[in-house]
């Protein structure tokens, strides 16, 4: 096992690009090599059982890669070993990237967090809200801060029994040809609640992508490429997978409830899902015109590690994308204590279970506010998010740890996240707490 890990670290360090993060012997960074192998053993348990086809995991401490491991195969139908340069749908792990883009413009004085979103997207000025089963004019306007912390009153359309979510499903949002058409559809939908009253996971970050596009004067995909991906050398992160790279793009899976095995999702299966009848985002990755900042990106383990490491302080290898002060502000809890979750996110905000157990939300990141209430070992102040296909990352500013893990499984992964946290933190020899 140790020989395999050393080889993977070498591959991770010697990539196609000359810009790579340094590696280090774990003991030099206060972690145990032997105990880090428990991450590999844990991943093997998931893949050998067939619950996950394949997974990749990287752990950094103090800016140095101390662990990289791969387990399993490319898909349930492809026995070739999963590889470090494979491409993954990262879904909601697109959200922190979009939030960074917005905060870059914030630093340039393009907006204030107290500004109404309608200042930049006038289509959202005169919205309605569902109250007591009736649609009435909204009394408040959503602000940029509310847009970035999911308290804007928007939804995703996940709940088939909720009238607002039913309207979302009928609106065919993901069939919009671009962000302008997308926002026209959104403007016709009622809010789930008055802005600022609740936390509810939503399309807010997709709306944020349009704000970035309009304030910057650049198409959203071009803005991300010029201001985040190229500066950080994220050479394999994009909305549309280049034709020459399609062979590296892994299939997605769902968990068969009858036998607990991962099953490949086919195009016909995706079309059968609510909201994906004629989608131009998050199911079509070869002819993309709707750039969904909330879930449309594809990336690699290497690229997302570079992004996450950059967001430890706003800088990577001498390239600064945000100030340290801005990063600290983003990873602060921006939820008023009175706000309770609207639920129904389809993802576990606290990584382990109860949607609000020890959970807060900053600007683009979930925040661990209480590790005991959160239900798993970690550090208060860690910031994180995950994707619907099981990808996950977190940044621990107390222990100077960054963890990124990749898979492609649309269900059946919630137990994996606390398992990964335990396997990571138990390997610490020296704690900075």
Protein backbone atom coordinates (compact mmCIF):
# COMPACT_ATOMS: atom_id res chain seq x y z
CA UNK A 1 0.00 0.00 0.00
CA UNK A 2 2.75 2.47 0.94
CA UNK A 3 4.51 1.92 -2.41
CA UNK A 4 1.25 2.60 -4.27
CA UNK A 5 0.71 5.86 -2.37
CA UNK A 6 4.24 7.05 -3.08
CA UNK A 7 3.71 6.36 -6.79
CA UNK A 8 0.43 8.28 -6.80
CA UNK A 9 2.05 11.24 -5.09
CA UNK A 10 4.72 11.24 -7.77
CA UNK A 11 2.12 11.16 -10.54
CA UNK A 12 0.18 13.96 -8.85
CA UNK A 13 3.31 16.09 -8.62
CA UNK A 14 4.53 15.46 -12.17
CA UNK A 15 1.55 16.48 -14.27
CA UNK A 16 1.28 17.73 -17.81
CA UNK A 17 1.69 21.26 -16.49
CA UNK A 18 4.81 22.62 -14.82
CA UNK A 19 2.71 24.28 -12.09
CA UNK A 20 2.16 21.70 -9.38
CA UNK A 21 1.75 21.81 -5.64
CA UNK A 22 4.64 20.51 -3.53
CA UNK A 23 4.41 17.10 -1.89
CA UNK A 24 5.78 16.19 1.52
CA UNK A 25 6.24 13.20 3.78
CA UNK A 26 3.19 13.33 6.08
CA UNK A 27 5.28 13.17 9.27
CA UNK A 28 6.99 16.43 8.31
CA UNK A 29 3.56 18.09 8.32
CA UNK A 30 2.34 16.47 11.52
CA UNK A 31 0.40 13.59 10.01
CA UNK A 32 0.93 9.82 10.06
CA UNK A 33 1.72 7.98 6.83
CA UNK A 34 0.42 4.76 8.29
CA UNK A 35 -2.83 6.30 9.48
CA UNK A 36 -3.42 8.12 6.19
CA UNK A 37 -3.52 4.71 4.54
CA UNK A 38 -6.85 4.24 6.32
CA UNK A 39 -8.31 6.64 3.73
CA UNK A 40 -7.26 4.20 1.01
CA UNK A 41 -8.67 1.26 2.98
CA UNK A 42 -11.96 3.11 3.49
CA UNK A 43 -12.21 3.93 -0.22
CA UNK A 44 -11.46 0.30 -1.06
CA UNK A 45 -14.33 -0.84 1.15
CA UNK A 46 -16.75 1.33 -0.80
CA UNK A 47 -15.48 0.38 -4.25
CA UNK A 48 -15.00 -3.35 -3.60
CA UNK A 49 -18.57 -3.56 -2.30
CA UNK A 50 -19.77 -2.05 -5.58
CA UNK A 51 -21.43 0.87 -3.82
CA UNK A 52 -19.08 3.32 -5.56
CA UNK A 53 -17.45 2.49 -8.89
CA UNK A 54 -14.31 4.53 -8.26
CA UNK A 55 -13.01 7.39 -6.17
CA UNK A 56 -9.99 9.70 -5.92
CA UNK A 57 -8.90 11.51 -2.76
CA UNK A 58 -6.23 14.10 -1.94
CA UNK A 59 -5.19 15.53 1.43
CA UNK A 60 -3.00 18.61 1.88
CA UNK A 61 -1.53 20.09 5.02
CA UNK A 62 0.26 23.42 5.22
CA UNK A 63 -0.03 23.72 1.45
CA UNK A 64 1.70 20.40 0.73
CA UNK A 65 0.19 17.22 -0.67
CA UNK A 66 0.55 14.47 1.94
CA UNK A 67 -1.84 11.90 0.53
CA UNK A 68 -3.29 10.98 -2.87
CA UNK A 69 -5.10 7.71 -3.47
CA UNK A 70 -7.26 6.08 -6.09
CA UNK A 71 -9.64 3.19 -5.66
CA UNK A 72 -11.89 1.26 -7.97
CA UNK A 73 -12.66 1.58 -11.65
CA UNK A 74 -13.89 4.12 -14.16
CA UNK A 75 -17.48 2.91 -14.09
CA UNK A 76 -19.70 -0.02 -13.25
CA UNK A 77 -19.36 -1.01 -16.91
CA UNK A 78 -15.65 -0.23 -17.36
CA UNK A 79 -13.13 -2.25 -15.36
CA UNK A 80 -10.18 -0.02 -16.22
CA UNK A 81 -8.72 1.58 -13.05
CA UNK A 82 -9.88 5.10 -12.28
CA UNK A 83 -7.12 7.62 -13.08
CA UNK A 84 -5.98 10.88 -11.54
CA UNK A 85 -6.71 12.89 -14.68
CA UNK A 86 -10.27 11.59 -15.13
CA UNK A 87 -12.99 14.24 -15.51
CA UNK A 88 -15.89 14.53 -13.06
CA UNK A 89 -19.21 16.37 -12.94
CA UNK A 90 -18.70 18.45 -9.83
CA UNK A 91 -22.25 19.81 -9.79
CA UNK A 92 -22.66 22.03 -6.70
CA UNK A 93 -18.92 22.30 -6.14
CA UNK A 94 -19.30 24.82 -8.98
CA UNK A 95 -20.96 27.14 -6.46
CA UNK A 96 -17.85 28.23 -4.50
CA UNK A 97 -16.12 29.02 -7.81
CA UNK A 98 -19.02 31.25 -8.85
CA UNK A 99 -19.00 32.92 -5.44
CA UNK A 100 -15.30 33.70 -5.85
CA UNK A 101 -16.01 35.28 -9.24
CA UNK A 102 -18.67 37.49 -7.65
CA UNK A 103 -16.42 38.50 -4.78
CA UNK A 104 -13.65 39.47 -7.18
CA UNK A 105 -16.10 42.00 -8.62
CA UNK A 106 -17.08 43.02 -5.09
CA UNK A 107 -13.42 43.82 -4.40
CA UNK A 108 -13.43 46.00 -7.52
CA UNK A 109 -16.33 48.02 -6.14
CA UNK A 110 -18.82 46.72 -8.67
CA UNK A 111 -21.49 46.09 -6.01
CA UNK A 112 -22.22 46.16 -2.30
CA UNK A 113 -23.67 43.13 -0.53
CA UNK A 114 -26.61 45.28 0.55
CA UNK A 115 -27.47 46.12 -3.07
CA UNK A 116 -30.72 44.67 -4.40
CA UNK A 117 -30.09 42.03 -7.05
CA UNK A 118 -32.55 43.88 -9.29
CA UNK A 119 -29.99 46.68 -9.59
CA UNK A 120 -28.06 44.36 -11.90
CA UNK A 121 -30.89 42.06 -13.00
CA UNK A 122 -33.94 44.29 -13.46
CA UNK A 123 -35.99 41.25 -14.44
CA UNK A 124 -36.10 40.39 -10.70
CA UNK A 125 -37.46 43.73 -9.50
CA UNK A 126 -41.19 42.99 -9.18
CA UNK A 127 -41.33 39.44 -7.90
CA UNK A 128 -44.17 37.58 -6.22
CA UNK A 129 -44.06 35.25 -3.24
CA UNK A 130 -46.14 32.27 -2.12
CA UNK A 131 -47.84 33.00 1.22
CA UNK A 132 -50.44 30.73 2.77
CA UNK A 133 -51.08 29.05 -0.54
CA UNK A 134 -51.58 32.34 -2.40
CA UNK A 135 -49.23 34.21 -4.72
CA UNK A 136 -48.90 37.86 -3.67
CA UNK A 137 -46.44 40.69 -4.42
CA UNK A 138 -43.19 40.33 -2.47
CA UNK A 139 -42.63 43.03 0.14
CA UNK A 140 -38.83 42.79 0.06
CA UNK A 141 -36.16 42.65 -2.62
CA UNK A 142 -33.41 40.07 -2.42
CA UNK A 143 -29.91 41.44 -1.80
CA UNK A 144 -26.58 40.26 -3.11
CA UNK A 145 -25.70 38.91 0.33
CA UNK A 146 -28.91 36.87 0.41
CA UNK A 147 -28.18 35.58 -3.07
CA UNK A 148 -24.76 34.35 -1.94
CA UNK A 149 -25.98 32.70 1.27
CA UNK A 150 -29.19 31.05 -0.02
CA UNK A 151 -31.66 33.24 1.87
CA UNK A 152 -33.02 35.01 -1.23
CA UNK A 153 -36.31 33.10 -1.36
CA UNK A 154 -35.41 31.03 -4.41
CA UNK A 155 -35.71 27.26 -4.69
CA UNK A 156 -34.55 24.36 -6.87
CA UNK A 157 -37.80 22.53 -7.61
CA UNK A 158 -36.86 19.35 -5.73
CA UNK A 159 -40.10 18.89 -3.74
CA UNK A 160 -42.88 17.47 -5.93
CA UNK A 161 -45.48 18.27 -3.25
CA UNK A 162 -44.59 21.95 -2.89
CA UNK A 163 -46.50 24.36 -5.18
CA UNK A 164 -43.48 26.62 -5.73
CA UNK A 165 -41.28 23.65 -6.60
CA UNK A 166 -43.99 22.36 -8.91
CA UNK A 167 -43.84 25.69 -10.74
CA UNK A 168 -40.05 25.34 -10.99
CA UNK A 169 -40.40 21.93 -12.60
CA UNK A 170 -42.94 23.18 -15.13
CA UNK A 171 -40.74 26.19 -16.00
CA UNK A 172 -38.07 23.95 -17.60
CA UNK A 173 -35.29 26.22 -16.32
CA UNK A 174 -32.49 23.98 -17.56
CA UNK A 175 -33.94 24.08 -21.06
CA UNK A 176 -33.10 27.79 -21.35
CA UNK A 177 -30.60 28.47 -24.12
CA UNK A 178 -28.60 30.96 -22.04
CA UNK A 179 -28.56 32.87 -18.75
CA UNK A 180 -30.74 35.69 -20.09
CA UNK A 181 -33.49 33.26 -21.06
CA UNK A 182 -32.97 31.46 -17.77
CA UNK A 183 -33.61 34.61 -15.75
CA UNK A 184 -36.74 35.40 -17.77
CA UNK A 185 -38.12 32.02 -16.69
CA UNK A 186 -37.03 32.60 -13.07
CA UNK A 187 -38.69 36.04 -12.95
CA UNK A 188 -42.05 34.44 -13.71
CA UNK A 189 -41.82 32.12 -10.68
CA UNK A 190 -42.98 32.99 -7.17
CA UNK A 191 -40.48 33.14 -4.34
CA UNK A 192 -40.71 30.41 -1.72
CA UNK A 193 -40.55 32.99 1.08
CA UNK A 194 -39.72 36.66 1.57
CA UNK A 195 -35.99 37.31 1.07
CA UNK A 196 -34.04 37.03 4.31
CA UNK A 197 -36.60 34.91 6.17
CA UNK A 198 -35.17 31.41 5.68
CA UNK A 199 -32.18 29.45 4.42
CA UNK A 200 -33.11 27.28 1.45
CA UNK A 201 -30.75 25.68 -1.04
CA UNK A 202 -31.54 27.08 -4.46
CA UNK A 203 -30.69 28.33 -7.94
CA UNK A 204 -29.29 31.50 -6.34
CA UNK A 205 -25.76 30.76 -7.53
CA UNK A 206 -26.95 30.30 -11.11
CA UNK A 207 -28.48 33.77 -10.81
CA UNK A 208 -25.14 34.96 -9.40
CA UNK A 209 -23.47 33.77 -12.61
CA UNK A 210 -25.64 36.19 -14.57
CA UNK A 211 -24.69 39.01 -12.17
CA UNK A 212 -21.03 38.23 -12.86
CA UNK A 213 -21.69 38.22 -16.59
CA UNK A 214 -23.49 41.57 -16.60
CA UNK A 215 -21.13 43.36 -14.22
CA UNK A 216 -17.98 42.14 -15.94
CA UNK A 217 -19.24 42.55 -19.51
CA UNK A 218 -17.89 39.08 -20.31
CA UNK A 219 -19.73 35.82 -20.99
CA UNK A 220 -19.75 33.96 -17.69
CA UNK A 221 -17.67 31.04 -18.96
CA UNK A 222 -15.03 33.39 -20.35
CA UNK A 223 -14.89 35.33 -17.08
CA UNK A 224 -14.21 32.17 -15.08
CA UNK A 225 -11.54 31.05 -17.52
CA UNK A 226 -9.71 34.39 -17.55
CA UNK A 227 -9.96 35.32 -13.87
CA UNK A 228 -9.93 31.98 -12.03
CA UNK A 229 -9.05 28.95 -14.15
CA UNK A 230 -6.08 30.35 -16.06
CA UNK A 231 -4.53 32.20 -13.09
CA UNK A 232 -4.75 29.03 -10.97
CA UNK A 233 -3.70 26.74 -13.84
CA UNK A 234 -6.97 24.83 -13.67
CA UNK A 235 -6.49 23.52 -17.17
CA UNK A 236 -9.23 20.87 -17.04
CA UNK A 237 -12.18 22.80 -15.58
CA UNK A 238 -14.96 23.85 -17.95
CA UNK A 239 -18.68 23.76 -18.71
CA UNK A 240 -18.19 22.03 -22.04
CA UNK A 241 -15.89 19.02 -22.31
CA UNK A 242 -13.55 19.40 -25.31
CA UNK A 243 -14.07 16.70 -27.92
CA UNK A 244 -10.51 15.43 -27.50
CA UNK A 245 -11.08 14.95 -23.74
CA UNK A 246 -14.39 13.06 -23.88
CA UNK A 247 -12.56 9.77 -23.27
CA UNK A 248 -11.54 11.04 -19.81
CA UNK A 249 -15.12 12.02 -18.83
CA UNK A 250 -16.44 9.40 -16.43
CA UNK A 251 -20.03 8.11 -16.56
CA UNK A 252 -22.37 9.05 -13.75
CA UNK A 253 -24.12 6.49 -11.52
CA UNK A 254 -27.06 5.99 -9.22
CA UNK A 255 -27.43 3.42 -6.45
CA UNK A 256 -29.74 0.52 -7.24
CA UNK A 257 -31.94 0.30 -4.11
CA UNK A 258 -32.57 -3.39 -4.67
CA UNK A 259 -28.97 -4.59 -4.49
CA UNK A 260 -27.00 -1.54 -3.25
CA UNK A 261 -24.82 -1.49 -6.36
CA UNK A 262 -23.78 1.52 -8.43
CA UNK A 263 -25.48 1.54 -11.85
CA UNK A 264 -24.46 3.70 -14.82
CA UNK A 265 -26.92 6.48 -15.67
CA UNK A 266 -27.84 6.52 -19.35
CA UNK A 267 -29.06 9.57 -21.31
CA UNK A 268 -32.56 8.09 -21.21
CA UNK A 269 -32.39 7.88 -17.41
CA UNK A 270 -31.41 11.56 -17.11
CA UNK A 271 -34.23 12.66 -19.41
CA UNK A 272 -36.65 10.89 -17.07
CA UNK A 273 -35.59 13.00 -14.08
CA UNK A 274 -37.67 16.10 -13.14
CA UNK A 275 -36.35 19.24 -14.81
CA UNK A 276 -34.12 17.41 -17.29
CA UNK A 277 -36.46 16.90 -20.23
CA UNK A 278 -34.60 19.22 -22.61
CA UNK A 279 -31.72 20.39 -20.47
CA UNK A 280 -28.86 22.52 -21.74
CA UNK A 281 -26.96 22.38 -18.46
CA UNK A 282 -25.89 19.55 -16.15
CA UNK A 283 -26.78 16.74 -18.56
CA UNK A 284 -25.37 18.00 -21.86
CA UNK A 285 -21.63 18.61 -21.66
CA UNK A 286 -20.71 18.73 -25.34
CA UNK A 287 -22.87 21.59 -26.68
CA UNK A 288 -23.34 23.97 -23.76
CA UNK A 289 -24.84 27.45 -24.03
CA UNK A 290 -26.40 27.71 -20.55
CA UNK A 291 -23.50 28.26 -18.16
CA UNK A 292 -24.89 27.11 -14.81
CA UNK A 293 -22.71 28.57 -12.06
CA UNK A 294 -24.58 26.52 -9.49
CA UNK A 295 -23.80 23.11 -10.91
CA UNK A 296 -22.57 23.00 -14.49
CA UNK A 297 -18.80 22.59 -14.21
CA UNK A 298 -16.61 19.58 -14.95
CA UNK A 299 -13.20 19.28 -13.28
CA UNK A 300 -10.41 16.97 -12.12
CA UNK A 301 -9.06 16.13 -8.69
CA UNK A 302 -5.90 18.11 -9.49
CA UNK A 303 -7.73 21.24 -10.59
CA UNK A 304 -10.10 21.34 -7.65
CA UNK A 305 -7.25 20.79 -5.22
CA UNK A 306 -5.62 23.89 -6.70
CA UNK A 307 -8.82 25.89 -6.28
CA UNK A 308 -9.38 24.70 -2.71
CA UNK A 309 -5.79 25.39 -1.73
CA UNK A 310 -6.06 28.88 -3.25
CA UNK A 311 -9.13 29.49 -1.10
CA UNK A 312 -7.22 28.80 2.09
CA UNK A 313 -5.90 32.35 1.86
CA UNK A 314 -6.92 33.69 -1.57
CA UNK A 315 -3.51 33.01 -3.13
CA UNK A 316 -1.74 30.13 -4.86
CA UNK A 317 1.92 30.07 -5.89
CA UNK A 318 2.16 33.86 -5.92
CA UNK A 319 -1.11 34.37 -7.80
CA UNK A 320 -3.76 36.10 -5.71
CA UNK A 321 -7.40 35.80 -6.74
CA UNK A 322 -8.89 37.35 -3.57
CA UNK A 323 -7.54 39.18 -0.57
CA UNK A 324 -7.07 37.28 2.68
CA UNK A 325 -9.63 39.55 4.32
CA UNK A 326 -12.22 38.73 1.67
CA UNK A 327 -11.66 34.99 2.10
CA UNK A 328 -12.07 35.35 5.87
CA UNK A 329 -15.32 37.24 5.30
CA UNK A 330 -16.63 34.58 2.90
CA UNK A 331 -15.94 31.81 5.40
CA UNK A 332 -17.75 33.64 8.21
CA UNK A 333 -21.27 32.51 9.06
CA UNK A 334 -23.67 34.91 7.32
CA UNK A 335 -26.87 33.29 8.59
CA UNK A 336 -28.80 35.19 11.26
CA UNK A 337 -29.45 32.98 14.28
CA UNK A 338 -33.19 33.19 13.71
CA UNK A 339 -33.02 31.59 10.28
CA UNK A 340 -33.98 27.93 10.03
CA UNK A 341 -33.46 25.68 7.02
CA UNK A 342 -36.24 25.28 4.51
CA UNK A 343 -34.87 21.73 3.96
CA UNK A 344 -35.20 19.73 0.78
CA UNK A 345 -31.75 20.57 -0.55
CA UNK A 346 -31.03 17.11 -1.92
CA UNK A 347 -27.60 17.38 -0.30
CA UNK A 348 -26.61 17.21 3.35
CA UNK A 349 -25.43 20.75 4.22
CA UNK A 350 -23.49 19.60 7.28
CA UNK A 351 -21.90 16.64 5.43
CA UNK A 352 -23.24 14.08 7.88
CA UNK A 353 -26.98 14.26 8.50
CA UNK A 354 -29.25 16.85 10.10
CA UNK A 355 -29.38 19.77 7.65
CA UNK A 356 -28.73 22.36 10.38
CA UNK A 357 -26.64 20.40 12.87
CA UNK A 358 -23.68 22.65 13.64
CA UNK A 359 -24.18 24.27 10.26
CA UNK A 360 -23.84 27.83 9.02
CA UNK A 361 -23.42 29.37 5.62
CA UNK A 362 -21.03 32.00 4.42
CA UNK A 363 -20.73 33.48 0.94
CA UNK A 364 -20.50 30.41 -1.27
CA UNK A 365 -19.49 27.90 1.42
CA UNK A 366 -21.13 25.85 4.12
CA UNK A 367 -19.55 26.46 7.54
CA UNK A 368 -19.03 24.04 10.43
CA UNK A 369 -20.07 26.06 13.46
CA UNK A 370 -20.18 23.30 16.09
CA UNK A 371 -18.41 19.95 15.61
CA UNK A 372 -20.41 18.21 18.36
CA UNK A 373 -23.74 19.23 16.81
CA UNK A 374 -22.29 18.49 13.39
CA UNK A 375 -21.86 14.85 14.36
CA UNK A 376 -18.32 14.17 13.15
CA UNK A 377 -14.75 15.03 14.11
CA UNK A 378 -13.40 18.23 12.58
CA UNK A 379 -12.85 21.90 13.38
CA UNK A 380 -15.27 24.70 14.00
CA UNK A 381 -14.75 27.19 11.19
CA UNK A 382 -14.05 24.62 8.47
CA UNK A 383 -15.73 25.60 5.22
CA UNK A 384 -16.83 23.23 2.53
CA UNK A 385 -19.34 22.04 -0.01
CA UNK A 386 -20.15 18.98 -2.07
CA UNK A 387 -21.78 17.96 -5.31
CA UNK A 388 -24.84 15.86 -6.08
CA UNK A 389 -22.65 13.13 -7.60
CA UNK A 390 -20.73 12.64 -4.36
CA UNK A 391 -17.76 14.96 -4.90
CA UNK A 392 -16.77 16.84 -1.74
CA UNK A 393 -14.12 19.19 -0.38
CA UNK A 394 -13.38 21.06 2.78
CA UNK A 395 -10.83 23.59 4.01
CA UNK A 396 -9.87 23.54 7.69
CA UNK A 397 -8.24 26.85 8.70
CA UNK A 398 -7.49 25.56 12.20
CA UNK A 399 -5.45 22.54 11.11
CA UNK A 400 -4.34 23.98 7.73
CA UNK A 401 -5.90 20.99 5.98
CA UNK A 402 -7.49 20.77 2.52
CA UNK A 403 -9.31 17.61 1.44
CA UNK A 404 -10.86 16.91 -1.98
CA UNK A 405 -12.56 13.67 -2.99
CA UNK A 406 -14.12 12.75 -6.33
CA UNK A 407 -16.65 10.13 -7.41
CA UNK A 408 -19.68 9.92 -9.71
CA UNK A 409 -22.66 8.64 -7.74
CA UNK A 410 -26.00 10.46 -7.55
CA UNK A 411 -27.19 8.68 -4.41
CA UNK A 412 -25.90 6.43 -1.69
CA UNK A 413 -22.88 8.55 -0.68
CA UNK A 414 -23.94 10.40 2.54
CA UNK A 415 -22.17 7.87 4.79
CA UNK A 416 -18.96 8.41 2.81
CA UNK A 417 -18.49 12.00 3.93
CA UNK A 418 -18.29 11.46 7.70
CA UNK A 419 -16.17 8.36 7.05
CA UNK A 420 -13.72 10.51 5.10
CA UNK A 421 -13.59 13.10 7.86
CA UNK A 422 -12.79 10.48 10.48
CA UNK A 423 -10.14 8.85 8.27
CA UNK A 424 -8.50 12.24 7.69
CA UNK A 425 -8.48 13.67 11.20
CA UNK A 426 -7.43 10.47 12.95
CA UNK A 427 -4.18 10.71 10.96
CA UNK A 428 -3.12 13.93 12.72
CA UNK A 429 -0.05 13.61 14.91
CA UNK A 430 0.17 17.32 15.71
CA UNK A 431 -2.92 19.48 16.11
CA UNK A 432 -2.94 23.29 15.91
CA UNK A 433 -6.20 23.51 17.86
